[in-house]
Protein backbone atom coordinates (compact mmCIF):
# COMPACT_ATOMS: atom_id res chain seq x y z
CA MET A 1 -12.17 7.03 -3.64
CA SER A 2 -8.61 7.58 -3.89
CA ILE A 3 -5.67 5.35 -5.30
CA VAL A 4 -2.41 5.31 -2.50
CA LEU A 5 0.32 3.41 -2.58
CA VAL A 6 2.15 1.82 0.47
CA THR A 7 5.68 0.82 0.29
CA TYR A 8 7.88 -0.34 3.78
CA ASP A 9 11.22 -1.37 4.11
CA LEU A 10 11.20 -3.86 7.25
CA LYS A 11 13.97 -3.53 9.13
CA GLN A 12 14.10 -7.22 10.95
CA PRO A 13 14.43 -10.29 9.37
CA GLY A 14 12.13 -12.79 10.49
CA ARG A 15 9.88 -10.76 12.56
CA ASP A 16 6.04 -11.72 12.53
CA TYR A 17 5.18 -9.02 9.94
CA ALA A 18 1.42 -10.65 9.97
CA PRO A 19 -0.12 -7.71 11.68
CA VAL A 20 0.91 -5.44 8.91
CA HIS A 21 0.05 -7.59 5.99
CA ARG A 22 -3.78 -7.97 7.69
CA TYR A 23 -3.56 -4.72 8.38
CA LEU A 24 -3.82 -3.77 4.42
CA ARG A 25 -5.29 -6.71 3.13
CA ALA A 26 -8.52 -5.21 5.30
CA TYR A 27 -8.68 -2.72 2.14
CA THR A 28 -10.01 -3.03 -1.51
CA HIS A 29 -6.17 -4.21 -2.34
CA CYS A 30 -3.45 -4.79 -5.02
CA LYS A 31 -0.23 -6.01 -3.92
CA GLY A 32 1.85 -6.61 -7.32
CA LEU A 33 5.03 -6.37 -5.50
CA GLU A 34 6.87 -7.82 -2.61
CA SER A 35 6.42 -4.37 -0.41
CA VAL A 36 4.81 -2.23 -2.46
CA TRP A 37 0.31 -2.63 -1.84
CA LEU A 38 -2.12 -0.13 -3.71
CA LEU A 39 -5.35 0.68 -1.66
CA ASP A 40 -8.33 1.78 -2.86
CA THR A 41 -9.68 3.95 -0.15
CA GLN A 42 -11.04 6.92 1.63
CA ARG A 43 -8.20 7.43 4.33
CA SER A 44 -5.80 9.99 4.14
CA THR A 45 -1.53 9.16 3.38
CA SER A 46 -0.71 10.59 6.99
CA ASP A 47 -3.87 8.40 9.02
CA ILE A 48 -2.42 5.19 6.65
CA ARG A 49 0.98 5.65 7.68
CA ASP A 50 0.15 6.23 11.45
CA ASP A 51 -1.59 2.85 12.09
CA LEU A 52 1.72 1.33 10.19
CA LYS A 53 3.75 2.81 12.42
CA GLN A 54 1.35 1.20 15.63
CA LEU A 55 2.95 -2.35 13.56
CA VAL A 56 6.62 -1.80 12.77
CA ASP A 57 9.60 -1.31 14.12
CA SER A 58 11.31 2.05 14.93
CA ASN A 59 13.63 1.49 12.43
CA ASP A 60 10.98 0.53 9.67
CA VAL A 61 10.25 2.58 7.03
CA VAL A 62 7.08 3.09 5.31
CA PHE A 63 5.79 5.32 3.12
CA VAL A 64 2.34 6.30 1.61
CA ALA A 65 0.77 8.00 -1.37
CA LYS A 66 -1.58 9.24 -3.72
CA ILE A 67 -1.69 7.39 -7.22
CA GLN A 68 -3.12 9.95 -9.62
CA ARG A 69 -3.96 8.93 -13.11
CA ASP A 70 -0.79 9.58 -14.95
CA TRP A 71 1.21 6.62 -14.54
CA ALA A 72 3.02 4.16 -16.29
CA ALA A 73 4.41 0.52 -15.37
CA SER A 74 5.90 -2.41 -17.43
CA ASN A 75 4.42 -6.06 -16.15
CA TYR A 76 2.68 -4.75 -13.68
CA SER A 77 0.43 -7.47 -12.49
CA CYS A 78 -1.55 -4.29 -11.19
CA GLY A 79 -1.86 -2.46 -13.80
CA SER A 80 -5.05 -4.26 -14.41
CA TRP A 81 -6.54 -3.45 -11.44
CA LEU A 82 -6.38 -0.26 -11.42
CA ASN A 83 -7.38 0.50 -14.72
CA GLU A 84 -10.61 -1.67 -13.84
CA LYS A 85 -14.02 0.38 -13.98
CA GLY A 86 -15.03 2.91 -11.03
CA ARG A 87 -11.55 3.16 -10.16
CA ASN A 88 -10.74 7.09 -9.13
CA PHE A 89 -8.20 8.88 -8.40
């Protein structure tokens, strides 16, 4: 498994983006910021991006990246989640 960071900027306020949230919640995850999710997955970043592109508008922004062991945060609620035993980077 890898830890993947997913962040997005949805350009149409008021639009129902529940499908995006349902998709992300299907993974073992931590949502530490408004539009930043960490996923514990074997899927590739490009596969996740392609899935999300089907759920957002063409002008919305999606960014997906693998997180490595060398990370730092301050007052980040997902810090303990990242440090849990068994998390692989």
